[in-house]
C-alpha atoms as a PDB file:
ATOM      1  CA  MET A   1      27.926   1.158  58.751  1.00  0.00           C
ATOM      2  CA  THR A   2      27.625  -2.566  59.326  1.00  0.00           C
ATOM      3  CA  LYS A   3      27.956  -5.255  56.661  1.00  0.00           C
ATOM      4  CA  GLY A   4      24.221  -5.919  56.740  1.00  0.00           C
ATOM      5  CA  GLN A   5      23.414  -2.264  56.173  1.00  0.00           C
ATOM      6  CA  ILE A   6      25.822  -2.130  53.213  1.00  0.00           C
ATOM      7  CA  ILE A   7      24.181  -5.173  51.597  1.00  0.00           C
ATOM      8  CA  GLU A   8      20.688  -3.697  52.186  1.00  0.00           C
ATOM      9  CA  THR A   9      21.783  -0.395  50.637  1.00  0.00           C
ATOM     10  CA  ARG A  10      23.199  -2.174  47.592  1.00  0.00           C
ATOM     11  CA  ASN A  11      20.013  -4.206  47.160  1.00  0.00           C
ATOM     12  CA  SER A  12      17.860  -1.076  47.298  1.00  0.00           C
ATOM     13  CA  LEU A  13      20.063   0.582  44.666  1.00  0.00           C
ATOM     14  CA  VAL A  14      19.753  -2.476  42.419  1.00  0.00           C
ATOM     15  CA  ARG A  15      15.967  -2.464  42.793  1.00  0.00           C
ATOM     16  CA  PHE A  16      15.843   1.271  42.099  1.00  0.00           C
ATOM     17  CA  ASN A  17      17.943   0.944  38.920  1.00  0.00           C
ATOM     18  CA  TYR A  18      15.808  -1.996  37.785  1.00  0.00           C
ATOM     19  CA  ARG A  19      12.620   0.015  38.184  1.00  0.00           C
ATOM     20  CA  VAL A  20      14.138   2.973  36.352  1.00  0.00           C
ATOM     21  CA  LEU A  21      15.210   0.671  33.500  1.00  0.00           C
ATOM     22  CA  ILE A  22      11.685  -0.781  33.184  1.00  0.00           C
ATOM     23  CA  GLN A  23      10.154   2.701  33.184  1.00  0.00           C
ATOM     24  CA  TYR A  24      12.608   3.821  30.520  1.00  0.00           C
ATOM     25  CA  VAL A  25      11.849   0.826  28.277  1.00  0.00           C
ATOM     26  CA  ILE A  26       8.073   1.349  28.637  1.00  0.00           C
ATOM     27  CA  LEU A  27       8.437   5.067  27.876  1.00  0.00           C
ATOM     28  CA  CYS A  28      10.466   4.336  24.752  1.00  0.00           C
ATOM     29  CA  ASN A  29       7.932   1.769  23.505  1.00  0.00           C
ATOM     30  CA  VAL A  30       5.016   4.127  24.138  1.00  0.00           C
ATOM     31  CA  LYS A  31       6.842   6.836  22.211  1.00  0.00           C
ATOM     32  CA  LYS A  32       7.510   4.466  19.299  1.00  0.00           C
ATOM     33  CA  ILE A  33       3.838   3.370  19.204  1.00  0.00           C
ATOM     34  CA  SER A  34       2.714   6.990  19.346  1.00  0.00           C
ATOM     35  CA  ASN A  35       5.048   7.962  16.510  1.00  0.00           C
ATOM     36  CA  TYR A  36       3.913   4.914  14.477  1.00  0.00           C
ATOM     37  CA  ASN A  37       0.225   5.802  14.894  1.00  0.00           C
ATOM     38  CA  THR A  38       0.941   9.434  14.009  1.00  0.00           C
ATOM     39  CA  ASN A  39       2.842   8.382  10.877  1.00  0.00           C
ATOM     40  CA  MET A  40       0.029   6.014   9.814  1.00  0.00           C
ATOM     41  CA  ILE A  41      -2.562   8.758  10.198  1.00  0.00           C
ATOM     42  CA  PHE A  42      -0.339  11.142   8.236  1.00  0.00           C
ATOM     43  CA  ASN A  43       0.187   8.554   5.470  1.00  0.00           C
ATOM     44  CA  LEU A  44      -3.551   7.840   5.287  1.00  0.00           C
ATOM     45  CA  LYS A  45      -4.162  11.561   4.854  1.00  0.00           C
ATOM     46  CA  ILE A  46      -1.679  11.596   1.938  1.00  0.00           C
ATOM     47  CA  PHE A  47      -3.484   8.651   0.313  1.00  0.00           C
ATOM     48  CA  LEU A  48      -6.796  10.473   0.614  1.00  0.00           C
ATOM     49  CA  ASN A  49      -5.196  13.567  -0.928  1.00  0.00           C
ATOM     50  CA  ILE A  50      -3.902  11.411  -3.808  1.00  0.00           C
ATOM     51  CA  LEU A  51      -7.469  10.192  -4.342  1.00  0.00           C
ATOM     52  CA  LEU A  52      -8.479  13.864  -4.506  1.00  0.00           C
ATOM     53  CA  PHE A  53      -5.628  14.624  -6.972  1.00  0.00           C
ATOM     54  CA  SER A  54      -4.078  17.132  -4.549  1.00  0.00           C
ATOM     55  CA  SER A  55      -0.989  15.047  -3.654  1.00  0.00           C
ATOM     56  CA  GLY A  56       1.281  12.625  -5.477  1.00  0.00           C
ATOM     57  CA  PRO A  57       3.474   9.615  -4.710  1.00  0.00           C
ATOM     58  CA  GLN A  58       6.370  11.985  -4.054  1.00  0.00           C
ATOM     59  CA  ASP A  59       4.574  13.070  -0.857  1.00  0.00           C
ATOM     60  CA  LEU A  60       4.707   9.535   0.533  1.00  0.00           C
ATOM     61  CA  PRO A  61       7.743   8.285   2.473  1.00  0.00           C
ATOM     62  CA  ALA A  62      10.174   5.991   0.654  1.00  0.00           C
ATOM     63  CA  SER A  63       9.591   3.360   3.310  1.00  0.00           C
ATOM     64  CA  SER A  64       9.988  -0.339   2.527  1.00  0.00           C
ATOM     65  CA  ASN A  65       8.143  -1.131   5.773  1.00  0.00           C
ATOM     66  CA  LEU A  66       5.164   0.904   4.565  1.00  0.00           C
ATOM     67  CA  LEU A  67       5.288  -0.986   1.258  1.00  0.00           C
ATOM     68  CA  LYS A  68       5.258  -4.339   3.081  1.00  0.00           C
ATOM     69  CA  LEU A  69       2.256  -3.206   5.137  1.00  0.00           C
ATOM     70  CA  ILE A  70       0.422  -2.059   2.000  1.00  0.00           C
ATOM     71  CA  ILE A  71       1.095  -5.417   0.313  1.00  0.00           C
ATOM     72  CA  ILE A  72      -0.361  -7.225   3.350  1.00  0.00           C
ATOM     73  CA  ILE A  73      -3.423  -4.936   3.268  1.00  0.00           C
ATOM     74  CA  ASN A  74      -3.916  -5.731  -0.424  1.00  0.00           C
ATOM     75  CA  LEU A  75      -3.868  -9.449   0.377  1.00  0.00           C
ATOM     76  CA  VAL A  76      -6.354  -8.968   3.234  1.00  0.00           C
ATOM     77  CA  VAL A  77      -8.678  -6.994   0.953  1.00  0.00           C
ATOM     78  CA  GLY A  78      -8.285  -9.807  -1.586  1.00  0.00           C
ATOM     79  CA  LEU A  79      -9.773 -12.180   0.973  1.00  0.00           C
ATOM     80  CA  MET A  80     -13.048 -10.256   0.758  1.00  0.00           C
ATOM     81  CA  ALA A  81     -14.708 -12.288  -1.947  1.00  0.00           C
ATOM     82  CA  VAL A  82     -17.101 -10.098  -3.947  1.00  0.00           C
ATOM     83  CA  ASP A  83     -18.543 -13.115  -5.758  1.00  0.00           C
ATOM     84  CA  PRO A  84     -19.317 -16.031  -3.412  1.00  0.00           C
ATOM     85  CA  ASN A  85     -18.925 -18.403  -6.382  1.00  0.00           C
ATOM     86  CA  ILE A  86     -15.231 -17.508  -6.642  1.00  0.00           C
ATOM     87  CA  ASP A  87     -12.902 -19.399  -4.323  1.00  0.00           C
ATOM     88  CA  ILE A  88     -10.911 -17.336  -1.822  1.00  0.00           C
ATOM     89  CA  THR A  89      -7.692 -18.914  -3.105  1.00  0.00           C
ATOM     90  CA  VAL A  90      -8.402 -17.517  -6.565  1.00  0.00           C
ATOM     91  CA  ASN A  91      -8.924 -14.037  -5.104  1.00  0.00           C
ATOM     92  CA  ILE A  92      -5.606 -14.297  -3.281  1.00  0.00           C
ATOM     93  CA  PHE A  93      -3.857 -15.299  -6.503  1.00  0.00           C
ATOM     94  CA  PHE A  94      -5.474 -12.367  -8.302  1.00  0.00           C
ATOM     95  CA  ALA A  95      -4.169 -10.035  -5.558  1.00  0.00           C
ATOM     96  CA  LEU A  96      -0.701 -11.579  -5.797  1.00  0.00           C
ATOM     97  CA  ILE A  97      -0.706 -11.207  -9.583  1.00  0.00           C
ATOM     98  CA  TYR A  98      -1.724  -7.549  -9.316  1.00  0.00           C
ATOM     99  CA  ILE A  99       0.983  -6.854  -6.729  1.00  0.00           C
ATOM    100  CA  PHE A 100       3.693  -8.678  -8.711  1.00  0.00           C
ATOM    101  CA  VAL A 101       2.752  -7.068 -12.035  1.00  0.00           C
ATOM    102  CA  THR A 102       2.566  -3.610 -10.434  1.00  0.00           C
ATOM    103  CA  LEU A 103       5.972  -3.895  -8.771  1.00  0.00           C
ATOM    104  CA  LEU A 104       7.535  -5.184 -11.994  1.00  0.00           C
ATOM    105  CA  PHE A 105       5.751  -2.675 -14.241  1.00  0.00           C
ATOM    106  CA  ILE A 106       6.858   0.313 -12.170  1.00  0.00           C
ATOM    107  CA  ARG A 107      10.443  -0.968 -11.971  1.00  0.00           C
ATOM    108  CA  ILE A 108      10.675  -1.443 -15.760  1.00  0.00           C
ATOM    109  CA  CYS A 109       9.061   1.912 -16.558  1.00  0.00           C
ATOM    110  CA  LEU A 110      11.337   3.838 -14.179  1.00  0.00           C
ATOM    111  CA  ASN A 111      14.416   2.093 -15.594  1.00  0.00           C
ATOM    112  CA  ILE A 112      13.328   2.959 -19.156  1.00  0.00           C
ATOM    113  CA  LYS A 113      12.780   6.548 -18.059  1.00  0.00           C
ATOM    114  CA  ASP A 114      16.322   6.649 -16.627  1.00  0.00           C
ATOM    115  CA  LYS A 115      17.804   5.319 -19.858  1.00  0.00           C
ATOM    116  CA  ALA A 116      15.804   7.790 -21.954  1.00  0.00           C
ATOM    117  CA  ASN A 117      16.924  10.710 -19.773  1.00  0.00           C
ATOM    118  CA  GLN A 118      20.616  10.447 -19.017  1.00  0.00           C
ATOM    119  CA  GLY A 119      21.654  11.956 -15.709  1.00  0.00           C
ATOM    120  CA  THR A 120      18.284  11.368 -14.058  1.00  0.00           C
ATOM    121  CA  ASN A 121      17.491   8.980 -11.243  1.00  0.00           C
ATOM    122  CA  TYR A 122      13.814   8.084 -11.547  1.00  0.00           C
ATOM    123  CA  SER A 123      14.552   4.644 -10.103  1.00  0.00           C
ATOM    124  CA  SER A 124      14.945   6.282  -6.688  1.00  0.00           C
ATOM    125  CA  ARG A 125      11.197   6.960  -6.779  1.00  0.00           C
ATOM    126  CA  TYR A 126      10.402   3.243  -7.003  1.00  0.00           C
ATOM    127  CA  VAL A 127       9.254   2.648  -3.409  1.00  0.00           C
ATOM    128  CA  GLN A 128       7.185   5.836  -3.305  1.00  0.00           C
ATOM    129  CA  VAL A 129       5.424   5.052  -6.598  1.00  0.00           C
ATOM    130  CA  CYS A 130       4.753   1.475  -5.459  1.00  0.00           C
ATOM    131  CA  ASN A 131       3.389   2.752  -2.144  1.00  0.00           C
ATOM    132  CA  GLY A 132       1.116   5.180  -3.957  1.00  0.00           C
ATOM    133  CA  THR A 133      -0.162   2.738  -6.583  1.00  0.00           C
ATOM    134  CA  LEU A 134      -0.714  -0.257  -4.297  1.00  0.00           C
ATOM    135  CA  GLY A 135      -2.042   1.906  -1.459  1.00  0.00           C
ATOM    136  CA  VAL A 136      -4.649   3.526  -3.686  1.00  0.00           C
ATOM    137  CA  HIS A 137      -5.549   0.111  -5.138  1.00  0.00           C
ATOM    138  CA  ALA A 138      -6.184  -1.270  -1.644  1.00  0.00           C
ATOM    139  CA  ILE A 139      -8.495   1.647  -0.797  1.00  0.00           C
ATOM    140  CA  VAL A 140     -10.366   1.478  -4.106  1.00  0.00           C
ATOM    141  CA  ALA A 141     -10.690  -2.324  -3.877  1.00  0.00           C
ATOM    142  CA  LEU A 142     -12.050  -2.019  -0.348  1.00  0.00           C
ATOM    143  CA  ILE A 143     -14.598   0.594  -1.469  1.00  0.00           C
ATOM    144  CA  THR A 144     -15.578  -1.612  -4.430  1.00  0.00           C
ATOM    145  CA  ASN A 145     -16.137  -4.624  -2.160  1.00  0.00           C
ATOM    146  CA  LEU A 146     -18.195  -2.578   0.305  1.00  0.00           C
ATOM    147  CA  MET A 147     -20.286  -1.047  -2.491  1.00  0.00           C
ATOM    148  CA  THR A 148     -20.894  -4.510  -3.924  1.00  0.00           C
ATOM    149  CA  MET A 149     -22.114  -5.712  -0.542  1.00  0.00           C
ATOM    150  CA  ILE A 150     -24.371  -2.663  -0.139  1.00  0.00           C
ATOM    151  CA  ILE A 151     -25.858  -2.979  -3.624  1.00  0.00           C
ATOM    152  CA  SER A 152     -27.317  -6.431  -3.181  1.00  0.00           C
ATOM    153  CA  THR A 153     -29.006  -6.478  -6.573  1.00  0.00           C
ATOM    154  CA  THR A 154     -27.128  -7.721  -9.593  1.00  0.00           C
ATOM    155  CA  GLY A 155     -27.309  -6.451 -13.123  1.00  0.00           C
ATOM    156  CA  GLU A 156     -27.213  -2.869 -14.386  1.00  0.00           C
ATOM    157  CA  PRO A 157     -26.853  -0.915 -11.077  1.00  0.00           C
ATOM    158  CA  LEU A 158     -23.901  -3.027  -9.984  1.00  0.00           C
ATOM    159  CA  LEU A 159     -22.313  -2.860 -13.433  1.00  0.00           C
ATOM    160  CA  ILE A 160     -22.618   0.936 -13.584  1.00  0.00           C
ATOM    161  CA  THR A 161     -21.129   1.278 -10.093  1.00  0.00           C
ATOM    162  CA  PHE A 162     -18.220  -0.951 -11.034  1.00  0.00           C
ATOM    163  CA  LEU A 163     -17.562   0.996 -14.241  1.00  0.00           C
ATOM    164  CA  ILE A 164     -17.620   4.346 -12.406  1.00  0.00           C
ATOM    165  CA  ILE A 165     -15.180   3.132  -9.758  1.00  0.00           C
ATOM    166  CA  SER A 166     -12.923   1.586 -12.424  1.00  0.00           C
ATOM    167  CA  LEU A 167     -12.901   4.794 -14.452  1.00  0.00           C
ATOM    168  CA  TYR A 168     -12.106   6.816 -11.335  1.00  0.00           C
ATOM    169  CA  ALA A 169      -9.262   4.425 -10.398  1.00  0.00           C
ATOM    170  CA  TRP A 170      -7.884   4.760 -13.934  1.00  0.00           C
ATOM    171  CA  PHE A 171      -7.693   8.549 -13.538  1.00  0.00           C
ATOM    172  CA  VAL A 172      -6.135   8.298 -10.063  1.00  0.00           C
ATOM    173  CA  ASN A 173      -3.432   5.934 -11.340  1.00  0.00           C
ATOM    174  CA  GLY A 174      -2.896   8.263 -14.278  1.00  0.00           C
ATOM    175  CA  HIS A 175      -2.362  11.063 -11.769  1.00  0.00           C
ATOM    176  CA  ILE A 176       0.179   8.913  -9.878  1.00  0.00           C
ATOM    177  CA  PHE A 177       2.107   8.007 -13.045  1.00  0.00           C
ATOM    178  CA  ARG A 178       2.000  11.607 -14.225  1.00  0.00           C
ATOM    179  CA  ASN A 179       3.813  12.687 -11.070  1.00  0.00           C
ATOM    180  CA  ALA A 180       6.122   9.672 -11.087  1.00  0.00           C
ATOM    181  CA  PHE A 181       7.394  10.295 -14.614  1.00  0.00           C
ATOM    182  CA  ASP A 182       7.167  14.108 -14.653  1.00  0.00           C
ATOM    183  CA  THR A 183       4.814  14.123 -17.617  1.00  0.00           C
ATOM    184  CA  ASN A 184       1.313  15.323 -18.495  1.00  0.00           C
ATOM    185  CA  MET A 185      -1.994  13.722 -17.575  1.00  0.00           C
ATOM    186  CA  THR A 186      -2.548  12.264 -21.042  1.00  0.00           C
ATOM    187  CA  ILE A 187       0.664  10.222 -20.920  1.00  0.00           C
ATOM    188  CA  GLY A 188      -0.059   9.367 -17.290  1.00  0.00           C
ATOM    189  CA  LEU A 189      -3.420   7.919 -18.321  1.00  0.00           C
ATOM    190  CA  GLY A 190      -1.618   5.983 -21.056  1.00  0.00           C
ATOM    191  CA  PHE A 191       0.683   4.418 -18.460  1.00  0.00           C
ATOM    192  CA  SER A 192      -2.347   3.656 -16.306  1.00  0.00           C
ATOM    193  CA  LEU A 193      -4.142   1.975 -19.180  1.00  0.00           C
ATOM    194  CA  LEU A 194      -1.051  -0.044 -20.094  1.00  0.00           C
ATOM    195  CA  HIS A 195      -0.645  -1.127 -16.489  1.00  0.00           C
ATOM    196  CA  SER A 196      -4.269  -2.274 -16.339  1.00  0.00           C
ATOM    197  CA  MET A 197      -3.940  -4.175 -19.613  1.00  0.00           C
ATOM    198  CA  VAL A 198      -0.827  -6.016 -18.421  1.00  0.00           C
ATOM    199  CA  CYS A 199      -2.571  -6.963 -15.164  1.00  0.00           C
ATOM    200  CA  VAL A 200      -5.616  -8.260 -17.073  1.00  0.00           C
ATOM    201  CA  ILE A 201      -3.421 -10.259 -19.449  1.00  0.00           C
ATOM    202  CA  PHE A 202      -1.628 -11.998 -16.577  1.00  0.00           C
ATOM    203  CA  MET A 203      -4.940 -12.695 -14.804  1.00  0.00           C
ATOM    204  CA  MET A 204      -6.424 -14.160 -17.999  1.00  0.00           C
ATOM    205  CA  LEU A 205      -3.379 -16.376 -18.357  1.00  0.00           C
ATOM    206  CA  PHE A 206      -3.888 -17.528 -14.772  1.00  0.00           C
ATOM    207  CA  ILE A 207      -7.546 -18.326 -15.534  1.00  0.00           C
ATOM    208  CA  GLN A 208      -6.493 -20.280 -18.627  1.00  0.00           C
ATOM    209  CA  VAL A 209      -4.121 -22.352 -16.501  1.00  0.00           C
ATOM    210  CA  LEU A 210      -6.933 -23.143 -14.036  1.00  0.00           C
ATOM    211  CA  THR A 211      -9.390 -24.029 -16.783  1.00  0.00           C
ATOM    212  CA  PRO A 212      -9.192 -27.788 -17.532  1.00  0.00           C
END
């Protein structure tokens, strides 16, 4: 074999290995995307089951990446201004307040539950409970915004629709807290009501700050 043939053989091997490497990288990325889409569909199914009271936050993955995605979705939904008279910036701040209060509320409640029950580790449920609560809120908020756009008339029909959705969301959150704290539905609804009250208080304080 001549020197030229050896060089040509080496070059062909390099090109072959390069093509194999590219194919391998593409295959791995396609597999990751496929797994990601499958996981998202599976998680969405769990959220729908939570809305139907057939699943709980414990069925969701304890994924911080999922929590970050849900927080972003909440902010995007917050951009959908239901009332055109309200500035988008105010809606974003309302969404941020809800997210912050929810994360803090769940953390405090789980820590209190741990202290009240020695030997338990309810704090380990933190990410799952946050995923469930904020994920359900994003879905309910999206439905509320869409219903508001569909019902173009103001007044009693819109008010009744809003009250029904709010009452339903209260029960869903009660279901989430019931599973999170291993308690009954009555106490779960109490946690849900307390959570809503704290969110409203912080939002009212924010409005007071904006009011000249």
